[in-house]
Amino acid sequence: LNIIKEIDAYGKTVDLSFLSEDKI
C-alpha cells in the first residue's frame, strides 16, 4: 500500500481502455 501511494504521487494512473487487450 505504501508503494502504491508512492506511485500515485507521480499523478493519476493512465487509462488504457482505448487500447485492445492484445496491444496492452
mmCIF file of all heavy atoms, coordinates in Angstrom:
data_MODEL
# 
_entry.id   MODEL 
# 
loop_
_atom_site.group_PDB 
_atom_site.id 
_atom_site.type_symbol 
_atom_site.label_atom_id 
_atom_site.label_alt_id 
_atom_site.label_comp_id 
_atom_site.label_asym_id 
_atom_site.label_entity_id 
_atom_site.label_seq_id 
_atom_site.pdbx_PDB_ins_code 
_atom_site.Cartn_x 
_atom_site.Cartn_y 
_atom_site.Cartn_z 
_atom_site.occupancy 
_atom_site.B_iso_or_equiv 
_atom_site.pdbx_formal_charge 
_atom_site.auth_seq_id 
_atom_site.auth_comp_id 
_atom_site.auth_asym_id 
_atom_site.auth_atom_id 
_atom_site.pdbx_PDB_model_num 
ATOM 1   N N   . LEU A 1 1  ? 0.833   -1.213 0.000   1.00 0.00 ? 1  LEU A N   1 
ATOM 2   C CA  . LEU A 1 1  ? 0.000   0.000  0.000   1.00 0.00 ? 1  LEU A CA  1 
ATOM 3   C C   . LEU A 1 1  ? 0.863   1.258  0.000   1.00 0.00 ? 1  LEU A C   1 
ATOM 4   O O   . LEU A 1 1  ? 0.539   2.248  -0.672  1.00 0.00 ? 1  LEU A O   1 
ATOM 5   C CB  . LEU A 1 1  ? -0.941  0.000  1.206   1.00 0.00 ? 1  LEU A CB  1 
ATOM 6   C CG  . LEU A 1 1  ? -2.107  -1.001 1.148   1.00 0.00 ? 1  LEU A CG  1 
ATOM 7   C CD1 . LEU A 1 1  ? -2.803  -1.093 2.497   1.00 0.00 ? 1  LEU A CD1 1 
ATOM 8   C CD2 . LEU A 1 1  ? -3.109  -0.605 0.072   1.00 0.00 ? 1  LEU A CD2 1 
ATOM 9   N N   . ASN A 1 2  ? 1.969   1.229  0.740   1.00 0.00 ? 2  ASN A N   1 
ATOM 10  C CA  . ASN A 1 2  ? 2.893   2.375  0.760   1.00 0.00 ? 2  ASN A CA  1 
ATOM 11  C C   . ASN A 1 2  ? 3.543   2.583  -0.601  1.00 0.00 ? 2  ASN A C   1 
ATOM 12  O O   . ASN A 1 2  ? 3.727   3.723  -1.051  1.00 0.00 ? 2  ASN A O   1 
ATOM 13  C CB  . ASN A 1 2  ? 3.974   2.153  1.825   1.00 0.00 ? 2  ASN A CB  1 
ATOM 14  C CG  . ASN A 1 2  ? 3.440   2.308  3.237   1.00 0.00 ? 2  ASN A CG  1 
ATOM 15  O OD1 . ASN A 1 2  ? 2.480   3.051  3.463   1.00 0.00 ? 2  ASN A OD1 1 
ATOM 16  N ND2 . ASN A 1 2  ? 4.042   1.621  4.184   1.00 0.00 ? 2  ASN A ND2 1 
ATOM 17  N N   . ILE A 1 3  ? 3.883   1.478  -1.286  1.00 0.00 ? 3  ILE A N   1 
ATOM 18  C CA  . ILE A 1 3  ? 4.494   1.571  -2.619  1.00 0.00 ? 3  ILE A CA  1 
ATOM 19  C C   . ILE A 1 3  ? 3.489   2.147  -3.620  1.00 0.00 ? 3  ILE A C   1 
ATOM 20  O O   . ILE A 1 3  ? 3.833   2.997  -4.448  1.00 0.00 ? 3  ILE A O   1 
ATOM 21  C CB  . ILE A 1 3  ? 4.986   0.189  -3.098  1.00 0.00 ? 3  ILE A CB  1 
ATOM 22  C CG1 . ILE A 1 3  ? 6.098   -0.319 -2.176  1.00 0.00 ? 3  ILE A CG1 1 
ATOM 23  C CG2 . ILE A 1 3  ? 5.491   0.256  -4.529  1.00 0.00 ? 3  ILE A CG2 1 
ATOM 24  C CD1 . ILE A 1 3  ? 6.387   -1.800 -2.310  1.00 0.00 ? 3  ILE A CD1 1 
ATOM 25  N N   . ILE A 1 4  ? 2.232   1.684  -3.543  1.00 0.00 ? 4  ILE A N   1 
ATOM 26  C CA  . ILE A 1 4  ? 1.181   2.209  -4.425  1.00 0.00 ? 4  ILE A CA  1 
ATOM 27  C C   . ILE A 1 4  ? 0.979   3.703  -4.187  1.00 0.00 ? 4  ILE A C   1 
ATOM 28  O O   . ILE A 1 4  ? 0.771   4.481  -5.135  1.00 0.00 ? 4  ILE A O   1 
ATOM 29  C CB  . ILE A 1 4  ? -0.134  1.427  -4.211  1.00 0.00 ? 4  ILE A CB  1 
ATOM 30  C CG1 . ILE A 1 4  ? 0.007   0.003  -4.769  1.00 0.00 ? 4  ILE A CG1 1 
ATOM 31  C CG2 . ILE A 1 4  ? -1.314  2.125  -4.888  1.00 0.00 ? 4  ILE A CG2 1 
ATOM 32  C CD1 . ILE A 1 4  ? -1.115  -0.932 -4.399  1.00 0.00 ? 4  ILE A CD1 1 
ATOM 33  N N   . LYS A 1 5  ? 1.081   4.110  -2.919  1.00 0.00 ? 5  LYS A N   1 
ATOM 34  C CA  . LYS A 1 5  ? 0.964   5.531  -2.580  1.00 0.00 ? 5  LYS A CA  1 
ATOM 35  C C   . LYS A 1 5  ? 2.089   6.333  -3.237  1.00 0.00 ? 5  LYS A C   1 
ATOM 36  O O   . LYS A 1 5  ? 1.875   7.444  -3.734  1.00 0.00 ? 5  LYS A O   1 
ATOM 37  C CB  . LYS A 1 5  ? 1.008   5.700  -1.059  1.00 0.00 ? 5  LYS A CB  1 
ATOM 38  C CG  . LYS A 1 5  ? 0.614   7.071  -0.569  1.00 0.00 ? 5  LYS A CG  1 
ATOM 39  C CD  . LYS A 1 5  ? 0.586   7.120  0.945   1.00 0.00 ? 5  LYS A CD  1 
ATOM 40  C CE  . LYS A 1 5  ? 0.212   8.517  1.429   1.00 0.00 ? 5  LYS A CE  1 
ATOM 41  N NZ  . LYS A 1 5  ? 0.196   8.587  2.917   1.00 0.00 ? 5  LYS A NZ  1 
ATOM 42  N N   . GLU A 1 6  ? 3.301   5.766  -3.255  1.00 0.00 ? 6  GLU A N   1 
ATOM 43  C CA  . GLU A 1 6  ? 4.446   6.415  -3.913  1.00 0.00 ? 6  GLU A CA  1 
ATOM 44  C C   . GLU A 1 6  ? 4.199   6.546  -5.412  1.00 0.00 ? 6  GLU A C   1 
ATOM 45  O O   . GLU A 1 6  ? 4.511   7.569  -6.026  1.00 0.00 ? 6  GLU A O   1 
ATOM 46  C CB  . GLU A 1 6  ? 5.721   5.603  -3.671  1.00 0.00 ? 6  GLU A CB  1 
ATOM 47  C CG  . GLU A 1 6  ? 6.275   5.697  -2.256  1.00 0.00 ? 6  GLU A CG  1 
ATOM 48  C CD  . GLU A 1 6  ? 7.532   4.857  -2.080  1.00 0.00 ? 6  GLU A CD  1 
ATOM 49  O OE1 . GLU A 1 6  ? 8.185   4.543  -3.092  1.00 0.00 ? 6  GLU A OE1 1 
ATOM 50  O OE2 . GLU A 1 6  ? 7.845   4.499  -0.929  1.00 0.00 ? 6  GLU A OE2 1 
ATOM 51  N N   . ILE A 1 7  ? 3.657   5.491  -6.022  1.00 0.00 ? 7  ILE A N   1 
ATOM 52  C CA  . ILE A 1 7  ? 3.353   5.512  -7.463  1.00 0.00 ? 7  ILE A CA  1 
ATOM 53  C C   . ILE A 1 7  ? 2.301   6.572  -7.766  1.00 0.00 ? 7  ILE A C   1 
ATOM 54  O O   . ILE A 1 7  ? 2.418   7.324  -8.741  1.00 0.00 ? 7  ILE A O   1 
ATOM 55  C CB  . ILE A 1 7  ? 2.886   4.118  -7.939  1.00 0.00 ? 7  ILE A CB  1 
ATOM 56  C CG1 . ILE A 1 7  ? 4.058   3.123  -7.906  1.00 0.00 ? 7  ILE A CG1 1 
ATOM 57  C CG2 . ILE A 1 7  ? 2.302   4.182  -9.353  1.00 0.00 ? 7  ILE A CG2 1 
ATOM 58  C CD1 . ILE A 1 7  ? 3.677   1.684  -8.185  1.00 0.00 ? 7  ILE A CD1 1 
ATOM 59  N N   . ASP A 1 8  ? 1.277   6.649  -6.926  1.00 0.00 ? 8  ASP A N   1 
ATOM 60  C CA  . ASP A 1 8  ? 0.196   7.619  -7.133  1.00 0.00 ? 8  ASP A CA  1 
ATOM 61  C C   . ASP A 1 8  ? 0.687   9.061  -7.017  1.00 0.00 ? 8  ASP A C   1 
ATOM 62  O O   . ASP A 1 8  ? 0.048   9.978  -7.535  1.00 0.00 ? 8  ASP A O   1 
ATOM 63  C CB  . ASP A 1 8  ? -0.935  7.374  -6.128  1.00 0.00 ? 8  ASP A CB  1 
ATOM 64  C CG  . ASP A 1 8  ? -1.710  6.095  -6.432  1.00 0.00 ? 8  ASP A CG  1 
ATOM 65  O OD1 . ASP A 1 8  ? -1.571  5.586  -7.566  1.00 0.00 ? 8  ASP A OD1 1 
ATOM 66  O OD2 . ASP A 1 8  ? -2.430  5.594  -5.548  1.00 0.00 ? 8  ASP A OD2 1 
ATOM 67  N N   . ALA A 1 9  ? 1.820   9.255  -6.332  1.00 0.00 ? 9  ALA A N   1 
ATOM 68  C CA  . ALA A 1 9  ? 2.382   10.618 -6.189  1.00 0.00 ? 9  ALA A CA  1 
ATOM 69  C C   . ALA A 1 9  ? 2.867   11.166 -7.528  1.00 0.00 ? 9  ALA A C   1 
ATOM 70  O O   . ALA A 1 9  ? 3.017   12.377 -7.691  1.00 0.00 ? 9  ALA A O   1 
ATOM 71  C CB  . ALA A 1 9  ? 3.526   10.593 -5.185  1.00 0.00 ? 9  ALA A CB  1 
ATOM 72  N N   . TYR A 1 10 ? 3.075   10.270 -8.523  1.00 0.00 ? 10 TYR A N   1 
ATOM 73  C CA  . TYR A 1 10 ? 3.514   10.707 -9.850  1.00 0.00 ? 10 TYR A CA  1 
ATOM 74  C C   . TYR A 1 10 ? 2.350   11.152 -10.740 1.00 0.00 ? 10 TYR A C   1 
ATOM 75  O O   . TYR A 1 10 ? 2.553   11.541 -11.881 1.00 0.00 ? 10 TYR A O   1 
ATOM 76  C CB  . TYR A 1 10 ? 4.290   9.588  -10.541 1.00 0.00 ? 10 TYR A CB  1 
ATOM 77  C CG  . TYR A 1 10 ? 5.674   9.382  -9.975  1.00 0.00 ? 10 TYR A CG  1 
ATOM 78  C CD1 . TYR A 1 10 ? 5.890   8.489  -8.936  1.00 0.00 ? 10 TYR A CD1 1 
ATOM 79  C CD2 . TYR A 1 10 ? 6.759   10.112 -10.446 1.00 0.00 ? 10 TYR A CD2 1 
ATOM 80  C CE1 . TYR A 1 10 ? 7.162   8.304  -8.396  1.00 0.00 ? 10 TYR A CE1 1 
ATOM 81  C CE2 . TYR A 1 10 ? 8.033   9.929  -9.917  1.00 0.00 ? 10 TYR A CE2 1 
ATOM 82  C CZ  . TYR A 1 10 ? 8.218   9.032  -8.889  1.00 0.00 ? 10 TYR A CZ  1 
ATOM 83  O OH  . TYR A 1 10 ? 9.476   8.856  -8.353  1.00 0.00 ? 10 TYR A OH  1 
ATOM 84  N N   . GLY A 1 11 ? 1.157   11.079 -10.201 1.00 0.00 ? 11 GLY A N   1 
ATOM 85  C CA  . GLY A 1 11 ? -0.023  11.510 -10.957 1.00 0.00 ? 11 GLY A CA  1 
ATOM 86  C C   . GLY A 1 11 ? -1.003  10.385 -11.169 1.00 0.00 ? 11 GLY A C   1 
ATOM 87  O O   . GLY A 1 11 ? -0.733  9.226  -10.839 1.00 0.00 ? 11 GLY A O   1 
ATOM 88  N N   . LYS A 1 12 ? -2.133  10.737 -11.728 1.00 0.00 ? 12 LYS A N   1 
ATOM 89  C CA  . LYS A 1 12 ? -3.200  9.755  -11.965 1.00 0.00 ? 12 LYS A CA  1 
ATOM 90  C C   . LYS A 1 12 ? -2.743  8.675  -12.941 1.00 0.00 ? 12 LYS A C   1 
ATOM 91  O O   . LYS A 1 12 ? -2.095  8.951  -13.938 1.00 0.00 ? 12 LYS A O   1 
ATOM 92  C CB  . LYS A 1 12 ? -4.430  10.483 -12.531 1.00 0.00 ? 12 LYS A CB  1 
ATOM 93  C CG  . LYS A 1 12 ? -5.665  9.606  -12.624 1.00 0.00 ? 12 LYS A CG  1 
ATOM 94  C CD  . LYS A 1 12 ? -6.847  10.404 -13.169 1.00 0.00 ? 12 LYS A CD  1 
ATOM 95  C CE  . LYS A 1 12 ? -8.059  9.509  -13.326 1.00 0.00 ? 12 LYS A CE  1 
ATOM 96  N NZ  . LYS A 1 12 ? -9.200  10.246 -13.916 1.00 0.00 ? 12 LYS A NZ  1 
ATOM 97  N N   . THR A 1 13 ? -3.080  7.432  -12.610 1.00 0.00 ? 13 THR A N   1 
ATOM 98  C CA  . THR A 1 13 ? -2.730  6.308  -13.495 1.00 0.00 ? 13 THR A CA  1 
ATOM 99  C C   . THR A 1 13 ? -3.443  6.457  -14.837 1.00 0.00 ? 13 THR A C   1 
ATOM 100 O O   . THR A 1 13 ? -4.621  6.798  -14.880 1.00 0.00 ? 13 THR A O   1 
ATOM 101 C CB  . THR A 1 13 ? -3.140  4.961  -12.850 1.00 0.00 ? 13 THR A CB  1 
ATOM 102 O OG1 . THR A 1 13 ? -2.642  4.907  -11.523 1.00 0.00 ? 13 THR A OG1 1 
ATOM 103 C CG2 . THR A 1 13 ? -2.588  3.800  -13.637 1.00 0.00 ? 13 THR A CG2 1 
ATOM 104 N N   . VAL A 1 14 ? -2.713  6.204  -15.916 1.00 0.00 ? 14 VAL A N   1 
ATOM 105 C CA  . VAL A 1 14 ? -3.289  6.393  -17.254 1.00 0.00 ? 14 VAL A CA  1 
ATOM 106 C C   . VAL A 1 14 ? -4.400  5.375  -17.518 1.00 0.00 ? 14 VAL A C   1 
ATOM 107 O O   . VAL A 1 14 ? -4.386  4.266  -16.996 1.00 0.00 ? 14 VAL A O   1 
ATOM 108 C CB  . VAL A 1 14 ? -2.198  6.284  -18.348 1.00 0.00 ? 14 VAL A CB  1 
ATOM 109 C CG1 . VAL A 1 14 ? -1.238  7.450  -18.278 1.00 0.00 ? 14 VAL A CG1 1 
ATOM 110 C CG2 . VAL A 1 14 ? -1.441  4.972  -18.269 1.00 0.00 ? 14 VAL A CG2 1 
ATOM 111 N N   . ASP A 1 15 ? -5.346  5.787  -18.346 1.00 0.00 ? 15 ASP A N   1 
ATOM 112 C CA  . ASP A 1 15 ? -6.474  4.934  -18.735 1.00 0.00 ? 15 ASP A CA  1 
ATOM 113 C C   . ASP A 1 15 ? -6.161  4.315  -20.095 1.00 0.00 ? 15 ASP A C   1 
ATOM 114 O O   . ASP A 1 15 ? -5.973  5.030  -21.085 1.00 0.00 ? 15 ASP A O   1 
ATOM 115 C CB  . ASP A 1 15 ? -7.746  5.785  -18.796 1.00 0.00 ? 15 ASP A CB  1 
ATOM 116 C CG  . ASP A 1 15 ? -8.963  4.979  -19.240 1.00 0.00 ? 15 ASP A CG  1 
ATOM 117 O OD1 . ASP A 1 15 ? -8.886  3.732  -19.225 1.00 0.00 ? 15 ASP A OD1 1 
ATOM 118 O OD2 . ASP A 1 15 ? -9.985  5.591  -19.604 1.00 0.00 ? 15 ASP A OD2 1 
ATOM 119 N N   . LEU A 1 16 ? -6.098  2.982  -20.150 1.00 0.00 ? 16 LEU A N   1 
ATOM 120 C CA  . LEU A 1 16 ? -5.760  2.281  -21.398 1.00 0.00 ? 16 LEU A CA  1 
ATOM 121 C C   . LEU A 1 16 ? -6.976  1.629  -22.041 1.00 0.00 ? 16 LEU A C   1 
ATOM 122 O O   . LEU A 1 16 ? -6.834  0.734  -22.874 1.00 0.00 ? 16 LEU A O   1 
ATOM 123 C CB  . LEU A 1 16 ? -4.689  1.214  -21.125 1.00 0.00 ? 16 LEU A CB  1 
ATOM 124 C CG  . LEU A 1 16 ? -3.370  1.684  -20.506 1.00 0.00 ? 16 LEU A CG  1 
ATOM 125 C CD1 . LEU A 1 16 ? -2.394  0.526  -20.407 1.00 0.00 ? 16 LEU A CD1 1 
ATOM 126 C CD2 . LEU A 1 16 ? -2.763  2.832  -21.309 1.00 0.00 ? 16 LEU A CD2 1 
ATOM 127 N N   . SER A 1 17 ? -8.156  2.084  -21.682 1.00 0.00 ? 17 SER A N   1 
ATOM 128 C CA  . SER A 1 17 ? -9.384  1.472  -22.217 1.00 0.00 ? 17 SER A CA  1 
ATOM 129 C C   . SER A 1 17 ? -9.516  1.669  -23.733 1.00 0.00 ? 17 SER A C   1 
ATOM 130 O O   . SER A 1 17 ? -10.290 0.963  -24.383 1.00 0.00 ? 17 SER A O   1 
ATOM 131 C CB  . SER A 1 17 ? -10.614 2.042  -21.508 1.00 0.00 ? 17 SER A CB  1 
ATOM 132 O OG  . SER A 1 17 ? -10.675 3.448  -21.657 1.00 0.00 ? 17 SER A OG  1 
ATOM 133 N N   . PHE A 1 18 ? -8.766  2.605  -24.311 1.00 0.00 ? 18 PHE A N   1 
ATOM 134 C CA  . PHE A 1 18 ? -8.831  2.836  -25.763 1.00 0.00 ? 18 PHE A CA  1 
ATOM 135 C C   . PHE A 1 18 ? -7.975  1.812  -26.532 1.00 0.00 ? 18 PHE A C   1 
ATOM 136 O O   . PHE A 1 18 ? -8.025  1.752  -27.759 1.00 0.00 ? 18 PHE A O   1 
ATOM 137 C CB  . PHE A 1 18 ? -8.379  4.265  -26.108 1.00 0.00 ? 18 PHE A CB  1 
ATOM 138 C CG  . PHE A 1 18 ? -6.919  4.532  -25.885 1.00 0.00 ? 18 PHE A CG  1 
ATOM 139 C CD1 . PHE A 1 18 ? -6.024  4.449  -26.931 1.00 0.00 ? 18 PHE A CD1 1 
ATOM 140 C CD2 . PHE A 1 18 ? -6.433  4.850  -24.617 1.00 0.00 ? 18 PHE A CD2 1 
ATOM 141 C CE1 . PHE A 1 18 ? -4.669  4.691  -26.741 1.00 0.00 ? 18 PHE A CE1 1 
ATOM 142 C CE2 . PHE A 1 18 ? -5.096  5.093  -24.409 1.00 0.00 ? 18 PHE A CE2 1 
ATOM 143 C CZ  . PHE A 1 18 ? -4.213  5.022  -25.469 1.00 0.00 ? 18 PHE A CZ  1 
ATOM 144 N N   . LEU A 1 19 ? -7.192  1.014  -25.797 1.00 0.00 ? 19 LEU A N   1 
ATOM 145 C CA  . LEU A 1 19 ? -6.336  0.007  -26.432 1.00 0.00 ? 19 LEU A CA  1 
ATOM 146 C C   . LEU A 1 19 ? -6.966  -1.376 -26.347 1.00 0.00 ? 19 LEU A C   1 
ATOM 147 O O   . LEU A 1 19 ? -7.691  -1.680 -25.399 1.00 0.00 ? 19 LEU A O   1 
ATOM 148 C CB  . LEU A 1 19 ? -4.963  -0.031 -25.745 1.00 0.00 ? 19 LEU A CB  1 
ATOM 149 C CG  . LEU A 1 19 ? -4.037  1.173  -25.947 1.00 0.00 ? 19 LEU A CG  1 
ATOM 150 C CD1 . LEU A 1 19 ? -2.780  0.996  -25.120 1.00 0.00 ? 19 LEU A CD1 1 
ATOM 151 C CD2 . LEU A 1 19 ? -3.679  1.360  -27.415 1.00 0.00 ? 19 LEU A CD2 1 
ATOM 152 N N   . SER A 1 20 ? -6.650  -2.225 -27.323 1.00 0.00 ? 20 SER A N   1 
ATOM 153 C CA  . SER A 1 20 ? -7.125  -3.611 -27.293 1.00 0.00 ? 20 SER A CA  1 
ATOM 154 C C   . SER A 1 20 ? -6.293  -4.398 -26.281 1.00 0.00 ? 20 SER A C   1 
ATOM 155 O O   . SER A 1 20 ? -5.186  -3.987 -25.914 1.00 0.00 ? 20 SER A O   1 
ATOM 156 C CB  . SER A 1 20 ? -6.985  -4.250 -28.677 1.00 0.00 ? 20 SER A CB  1 
ATOM 157 O OG  . SER A 1 20 ? -5.618  -4.404 -29.010 1.00 0.00 ? 20 SER A OG  1 
ATOM 158 N N   . GLU A 1 21 ? -6.814  -5.555 -25.848 1.00 0.00 ? 21 GLU A N   1 
ATOM 159 C CA  . GLU A 1 21 ? -6.094  -6.412 -24.898 1.00 0.00 ? 21 GLU A CA  1 
ATOM 160 C C   . GLU A 1 21 ? -4.750  -6.866 -25.484 1.00 0.00 ? 21 GLU A C   1 
ATOM 161 O O   . GLU A 1 21 ? -3.750  -6.946 -24.781 1.00 0.00 ? 21 GLU A O   1 
ATOM 162 C CB  . GLU A 1 21 ? -6.943  -7.642 -24.541 1.00 0.00 ? 21 GLU A CB  1 
ATOM 163 C CG  . GLU A 1 21 ? -8.125  -7.343 -23.626 1.00 0.00 ? 21 GLU A CG  1 
ATOM 164 C CD  . GLU A 1 21 ? -7.695  -6.860 -22.257 1.00 0.00 ? 21 GLU A CD  1 
ATOM 165 O OE1 . GLU A 1 21 ? -6.685  -7.381 -21.736 1.00 0.00 ? 21 GLU A OE1 1 
ATOM 166 O OE2 . GLU A 1 21 ? -8.344  -5.952 -21.712 1.00 0.00 ? 21 GLU A OE2 1 
ATOM 167 N N   . ASP A 1 22 ? -4.754  -7.151 -26.779 1.00 0.00 ? 22 ASP A N   1 
ATOM 168 C CA  . ASP A 1 22 ? -3.533  -7.599 -27.446 1.00 0.00 ? 22 ASP A CA  1 
ATOM 169 C C   . ASP A 1 22 ? -2.466  -6.509 -27.428 1.00 0.00 ? 22 ASP A C   1 
ATOM 170 O O   . ASP A 1 22 ? -1.280  -6.781 -27.219 1.00 0.00 ? 22 ASP A O   1 
ATOM 171 C CB  . ASP A 1 22 ? -3.849  -8.006 -28.894 1.00 0.00 ? 22 ASP A CB  1 
ATOM 172 C CG  . ASP A 1 22 ? -2.713  -8.803 -29.527 1.00 0.00 ? 22 ASP A CG  1 
ATOM 173 O OD1 . ASP A 1 22 ? -2.083  -9.591 -28.810 1.00 0.00 ? 22 ASP A OD1 1 
ATOM 174 O OD2 . ASP A 1 22 ? -2.460  -8.633 -30.728 1.00 0.00 ? 22 ASP A OD2 1 
ATOM 175 N N   . LYS A 1 23 ? -2.901  -5.263 -27.639 1.00 0.00 ? 23 LYS A N   1 
ATOM 176 C CA  . LYS A 1 23 ? -1.961  -4.141 -27.640 1.00 0.00 ? 23 LYS A CA  1 
ATOM 177 C C   . LYS A 1 23 ? -1.430  -3.873 -26.233 1.00 0.00 ? 23 LYS A C   1 
ATOM 178 O O   . LYS A 1 23 ? -0.246  -3.547 -26.056 1.00 0.00 ? 23 LYS A O   1 
ATOM 179 C CB  . LYS A 1 23 ? -2.670  -2.890 -28.188 1.00 0.00 ? 23 LYS A CB  1 
ATOM 180 C CG  . LYS A 1 23 ? -1.720  -1.900 -28.844 1.00 0.00 ? 23 LYS A CG  1 
ATOM 181 C CD  . LYS A 1 23 ? -1.163  -2.440 -30.143 1.00 0.00 ? 23 LYS A CD  1 
ATOM 182 C CE  . LYS A 1 23 ? -0.198  -1.463 -30.790 1.00 0.00 ? 23 LYS A CE  1 
ATOM 183 N NZ  . LYS A 1 23 ? 0.442   -2.023 -31.996 1.00 0.00 ? 23 LYS A NZ  1 
ATOM 184 N N   . ILE A 1 24 ? -2.278  -4.019 -25.228 1.00 0.00 ? 24 ILE A N   1 
ATOM 185 C CA  . ILE A 1 24 ? -1.845  -3.842 -23.829 1.00 0.00 ? 24 ILE A CA  1 
ATOM 186 C C   . ILE A 1 24 ? -0.810  -4.900 -23.470 1.00 0.00 ? 24 ILE A C   1 
ATOM 187 O O   . ILE A 1 24 ? 0.201   -4.610 -22.827 1.00 0.00 ? 24 ILE A O   1 
ATOM 188 C CB  . ILE A 1 24 ? -3.057  -3.885 -22.873 1.00 0.00 ? 24 ILE A CB  1 
ATOM 189 C CG1 . ILE A 1 24 ? -3.942  -2.638 -23.088 1.00 0.00 ? 24 ILE A CG1 1 
ATOM 190 C CG2 . ILE A 1 24 ? -2.595  -3.957 -21.412 1.00 0.00 ? 24 ILE A CG2 1 
ATOM 191 C CD1 . ILE A 1 24 ? -5.259  -2.677 -22.347 1.00 0.00 ? 24 ILE A CD1 1 
# 
